[in-house]
Amino acid sequence: MFIDPLYIVIALPGLLLGLWAQARVKGAFKKYSRIATSSGKTGVQVATSILREAGANNVSIEQVAGQLSDHYDPRSRTLRLSPQVYGSDSIAAAGIAAHEAGHALQHKTGYAPLALRSAIVPTANIGTKLVMPLFFLGFILQMSNLIYAAIFLFTGVILFQLITLPVEFNASSRAKAVLTGSGMISGEEAKGVSAVLNAAAMTYVAAAVAALLQLLYFILRARN
C-alpha cells in the first residue's frame, strides 16, 4: 500500500495534537468525576434547572449510551447525556451538563453561529465522505478537475470546523456563568468545571488544526 511521505509530514502534527487533546479531556474528566459538588445536583438536575430558569421548556433530556457522548440535537430539541453525566453529582458532570444546556440556550436565543453550523452539516457530511475518493482518483488518473473538486468539497468541512469553535466556546462560557451565578457550584468548584470544559474545547481546536493541515496537503499535491 502506497503511503505519501508528504501526507505523513503534514498530518502528523494534527494527529499528535488530537491525541494530546483527547488524553487531556479524559484526564480532566476522570479527576473531577471523583469530586462531588456541594449542591449535590446530578447532571440531569443541573441541565433541568438551567433550562427551566431560561424558559426552554420545549427541550427534552434523555440518557444516551457511550462515554463522553453528551450532545444537544437542535433538530429534535433534545439534550442527551451519557450515563457518567446524567446521574452523577460530580463537578465534571455539572460542567458537561451545563455546557450542553448552553447549546440549547443558544438555540433558544437564535445564536447565529449555531444556526450556521446546523445549516452546513449536510455539506460537511458530503465533503467528509467524498473528498478522499475524489482526491485519490484524480491523483491516480491525473485529472486535476477531480482534485480541485475534492478541495472545494473539503472547504465545507473546514468551514464546519471553524464555526464549531465559537459555538463550543460560547456554550462553555454560558455554562460557567450560569453554574456560578445560580450557586450550583462554589468558587473553588468552578476551577474544576473550567478545567474540564477547557480541555474539551481543545479537542475542537485540534480538529480544526488537523483539517487545515489536510487542506494544505491537498493544495500542495494539486499544485504538483
Protein backbone atom coordinates (compact mmCIF):
# COMPACT_ATOMS: atom_id res chain seq x y z
CA MET A 1 0.00 0.00 0.00
CA PHE A 2 1.36 3.42 -1.00
CA ILE A 3 1.72 5.99 1.76
CA ASP A 4 2.60 9.53 0.72
CA PRO A 5 5.52 10.81 2.88
CA LEU A 6 4.28 14.39 2.41
CA TYR A 7 0.93 13.45 3.93
CA ILE A 8 2.66 11.93 6.97
CA VAL A 9 4.80 15.04 7.49
CA ILE A 10 1.86 17.43 7.22
CA ALA A 11 -0.76 15.33 9.02
CA LEU A 12 1.42 14.17 11.92
CA PRO A 13 1.27 17.43 13.94
CA GLY A 14 -2.52 17.45 13.73
CA LEU A 15 -2.68 13.80 14.78
CA LEU A 16 -0.39 14.36 17.77
CA LEU A 17 -2.34 17.44 18.82
CA GLY A 18 -5.57 15.45 18.62
CA LEU A 19 -4.18 12.62 20.74
CA TRP A 20 -2.92 15.11 23.32
CA ALA A 21 -6.30 16.87 23.45
CA GLN A 22 -8.15 13.57 23.88
CA ALA A 23 -5.80 12.49 26.67
CA ARG A 24 -6.22 15.85 28.37
CA VAL A 25 -10.03 15.79 28.34
CA LYS A 26 -10.12 12.20 29.58
CA GLY A 27 -7.71 13.05 32.37
CA ALA A 28 -9.67 16.12 33.45
CA PHE A 29 -12.96 14.24 33.35
CA LYS A 30 -11.53 11.34 35.35
CA LYS A 31 -10.13 13.68 38.00
CA TYR A 32 -13.23 15.81 38.52
CA SER A 33 -15.71 12.97 38.13
CA ARG A 34 -14.46 11.79 41.52
CA ILE A 35 -15.31 15.06 43.27
CA ALA A 36 -18.95 15.79 44.13
CA THR A 37 -20.39 19.31 44.00
CA SER A 38 -21.54 20.93 47.22
CA SER A 39 -25.08 21.26 45.81
CA GLY A 40 -25.33 17.50 45.21
CA LYS A 41 -27.19 18.06 41.93
CA THR A 42 -26.79 15.37 39.27
CA GLY A 43 -26.10 16.20 35.64
CA VAL A 44 -29.73 15.84 34.65
CA GLN A 45 -30.80 18.05 37.56
CA VAL A 46 -28.27 20.71 36.58
CA ALA A 47 -29.46 20.70 32.97
CA THR A 48 -33.12 20.73 34.03
CA SER A 49 -32.58 23.71 36.34
CA ILE A 50 -30.76 25.70 33.64
CA LEU A 51 -33.39 25.01 31.00
CA ARG A 52 -36.26 25.76 33.37
CA GLU A 53 -34.77 29.08 34.50
CA ALA A 54 -34.23 30.09 30.86
CA GLY A 55 -37.77 29.14 29.90
CA ALA A 56 -36.59 26.45 27.48
CA ASN A 57 -39.43 24.12 28.41
CA ASN A 58 -39.62 22.53 24.95
CA VAL A 59 -36.22 20.85 25.33
CA SER A 60 -36.26 17.23 26.45
CA ILE A 61 -33.42 15.48 28.29
CA GLU A 62 -32.57 11.82 27.89
CA GLN A 63 -29.75 9.43 28.67
CA VAL A 64 -27.65 8.12 25.81
CA ALA A 65 -25.18 5.24 25.76
CA GLY A 66 -21.44 5.80 25.48
CA GLN A 67 -18.69 7.63 27.30
CA LEU A 68 -18.49 11.40 26.80
CA SER A 69 -21.23 11.06 24.18
CA ASP A 70 -23.09 14.09 25.52
CA HIS A 71 -24.60 16.42 22.92
CA TYR A 72 -27.53 18.65 22.06
CA ASP A 73 -29.64 17.84 18.99
CA PRO A 74 -31.21 21.07 17.65
CA ARG A 75 -33.39 19.15 15.19
CA SER A 76 -35.36 17.34 17.89
CA ARG A 77 -34.56 19.84 20.65
CA THR A 78 -33.14 17.02 22.74
CA LEU A 79 -30.29 17.20 25.22
CA ARG A 80 -28.60 13.80 25.50
CA LEU A 81 -26.34 12.98 28.44
CA SER A 82 -24.05 10.00 28.91
CA PRO A 83 -24.53 7.75 31.96
CA GLN A 84 -21.40 9.24 33.58
CA VAL A 85 -23.02 12.68 33.44
CA TYR A 86 -26.76 12.03 33.65
CA GLY A 87 -26.85 10.51 37.13
CA SER A 88 -23.60 11.82 38.60
CA ASP A 89 -23.30 14.71 41.06
CA SER A 90 -19.64 15.33 40.23
CA ILE A 91 -18.01 18.59 39.19
CA ALA A 92 -17.27 17.10 35.77
CA ALA A 93 -20.90 16.07 35.28
CA ALA A 94 -22.17 19.51 36.28
CA GLY A 95 -19.83 21.22 33.83
CA ILE A 96 -20.68 18.99 30.87
CA ALA A 97 -24.42 19.05 31.55
CA ALA A 98 -24.34 22.85 31.79
CA HIS A 99 -22.30 23.05 28.58
CA GLU A 100 -24.85 21.01 26.64
CA ALA A 101 -27.65 23.06 28.16
CA GLY A 102 -25.72 26.07 26.90
CA HIS A 103 -26.22 24.79 23.35
CA ALA A 104 -29.97 24.57 24.00
CA LEU A 105 -29.91 28.19 25.18
CA GLN A 106 -28.01 29.16 22.04
CA HIS A 107 -30.79 27.56 20.02
CA LYS A 108 -33.47 29.33 22.02
CA THR A 109 -31.87 32.75 21.60
CA GLY A 110 -31.09 32.27 17.91
CA TYR A 111 -27.32 32.26 18.31
CA ALA A 112 -26.15 32.81 14.72
CA PRO A 113 -23.03 30.56 14.64
CA LEU A 114 -25.10 27.59 15.90
CA ALA A 115 -27.70 28.16 13.17
CA LEU A 116 -24.96 28.43 10.55
CA ARG A 117 -23.25 25.27 11.77
CA SER A 118 -26.52 23.35 11.63
CA ALA A 119 -27.15 24.62 8.10
CA ILE A 120 -23.83 23.39 6.72
CA VAL A 121 -23.88 19.97 8.40
CA PRO A 122 -25.20 18.23 5.21
CA THR A 123 -22.47 19.85 3.09
CA ALA A 124 -19.78 18.92 5.60
CA ASN A 125 -21.01 15.32 5.74
CA ILE A 126 -20.91 15.00 1.95
CA GLY A 127 -17.44 16.52 1.85
CA THR A 128 -16.16 14.14 4.52
CA LYS A 129 -17.37 11.09 2.57
CA LEU A 130 -16.32 12.13 -0.94
CA VAL A 131 -13.17 14.19 -0.55
CA MET A 132 -10.64 11.35 -0.23
CA PRO A 133 -12.09 9.15 -3.03
CA LEU A 134 -12.24 12.14 -5.39
CA PHE A 135 -8.76 13.32 -4.48
CA PHE A 136 -7.02 9.98 -4.93
CA LEU A 137 -8.99 9.16 -8.07
CA GLY A 138 -7.92 12.47 -9.53
CA PHE A 139 -4.35 11.85 -8.37
CA ILE A 140 -4.21 8.37 -9.95
CA LEU A 141 -5.90 9.41 -13.21
CA GLN A 142 -4.03 12.73 -13.31
CA MET A 143 -7.33 14.60 -13.57
CA SER A 144 -6.90 18.00 -11.96
CA ASN A 145 -10.65 18.71 -12.10
CA LEU A 146 -11.33 15.88 -9.65
CA ILE A 147 -8.61 17.10 -7.34
CA TYR A 148 -9.97 20.64 -7.29
CA ALA A 149 -13.48 19.28 -6.78
CA ALA A 150 -12.20 17.44 -3.69
CA ILE A 151 -10.59 20.63 -2.39
CA PHE A 152 -13.82 22.56 -2.97
CA LEU A 153 -15.84 19.97 -1.05
CA PHE A 154 -13.31 19.97 1.76
CA THR A 155 -13.75 23.70 2.28
CA GLY A 156 -17.20 22.83 3.65
CA VAL A 157 -15.54 20.60 6.25
CA ILE A 158 -13.09 23.40 7.12
CA LEU A 159 -15.93 25.89 7.48
CA PHE A 160 -17.79 23.50 9.79
CA GLN A 161 -14.72 23.03 11.99
CA LEU A 162 -14.05 26.76 12.24
CA ILE A 163 -17.67 27.66 13.03
CA THR A 164 -17.70 24.96 15.70
CA LEU A 165 -15.07 26.85 17.71
CA PRO A 166 -17.17 29.90 18.70
CA VAL A 167 -20.20 27.65 19.21
CA GLU A 168 -18.34 25.49 21.72
CA PHE A 169 -16.51 28.34 23.45
CA ASN A 170 -19.75 30.28 23.85
CA ALA A 171 -21.57 27.26 25.29
CA SER A 172 -18.78 26.81 27.84
CA SER A 173 -18.91 30.49 28.79
CA ARG A 174 -22.66 30.23 29.32
CA ALA A 175 -22.17 27.09 31.40
CA LYS A 176 -19.60 28.66 33.72
CA ALA A 177 -21.67 31.81 34.18
CA VAL A 178 -24.94 30.07 34.96
CA LEU A 179 -23.37 27.50 37.30
CA THR A 180 -21.65 30.11 39.44
CA GLY A 181 -24.47 32.65 39.18
CA SER A 182 -27.10 30.16 40.30
CA GLY A 183 -25.00 28.86 43.17
CA MET A 184 -25.00 25.28 41.87
CA ILE A 185 -21.21 25.25 42.27
CA SER A 186 -18.85 27.12 44.57
CA GLY A 187 -15.96 29.31 43.51
CA GLU A 188 -13.48 26.51 44.14
CA GLU A 189 -15.60 24.02 42.19
CA ALA A 190 -15.70 26.47 39.28
CA LYS A 191 -11.99 25.84 38.76
CA GLY A 192 -12.73 22.17 38.17
CA VAL A 193 -15.55 23.00 35.75
CA SER A 194 -13.18 25.28 33.82
CA ALA A 195 -10.51 22.58 33.69
CA VAL A 196 -12.95 20.06 32.21
CA LEU A 197 -14.55 22.44 29.70
CA ASN A 198 -11.24 24.00 28.63
CA ALA A 199 -9.82 20.54 27.99
CA ALA A 200 -12.90 19.61 25.96
CA ALA A 201 -12.55 22.82 23.93
CA MET A 202 -9.03 21.82 22.92
CA THR A 203 -10.40 18.77 21.10
CA TYR A 204 -12.28 21.12 18.76
CA VAL A 205 -9.19 23.27 18.28
CA ALA A 206 -7.20 20.14 17.44
CA ALA A 207 -9.84 19.03 14.92
CA ALA A 208 -9.74 22.44 13.21
CA VAL A 209 -5.93 22.41 13.04
CA ALA A 210 -5.94 18.86 11.61
CA ALA A 211 -8.47 19.87 8.96
CA LEU A 212 -6.44 22.92 7.94
CA LEU A 213 -3.29 20.81 7.65
CA GLN A 214 -5.15 18.31 5.49
CA LEU A 215 -6.32 21.14 3.25
CA LEU A 216 -2.69 22.29 2.96
CA TYR A 217 -1.74 18.79 1.83
CA PHE A 218 -4.46 18.77 -0.83
CA ILE A 219 -3.36 22.16 -2.16
CA LEU A 220 0.32 21.18 -2.31
CA ARG A 221 -0.46 17.95 -4.12
CA ALA A 222 -2.82 19.74 -6.51
CA ARG A 223 -0.04 22.15 -7.47
CA ASN A 224 2.16 19.20 -8.39
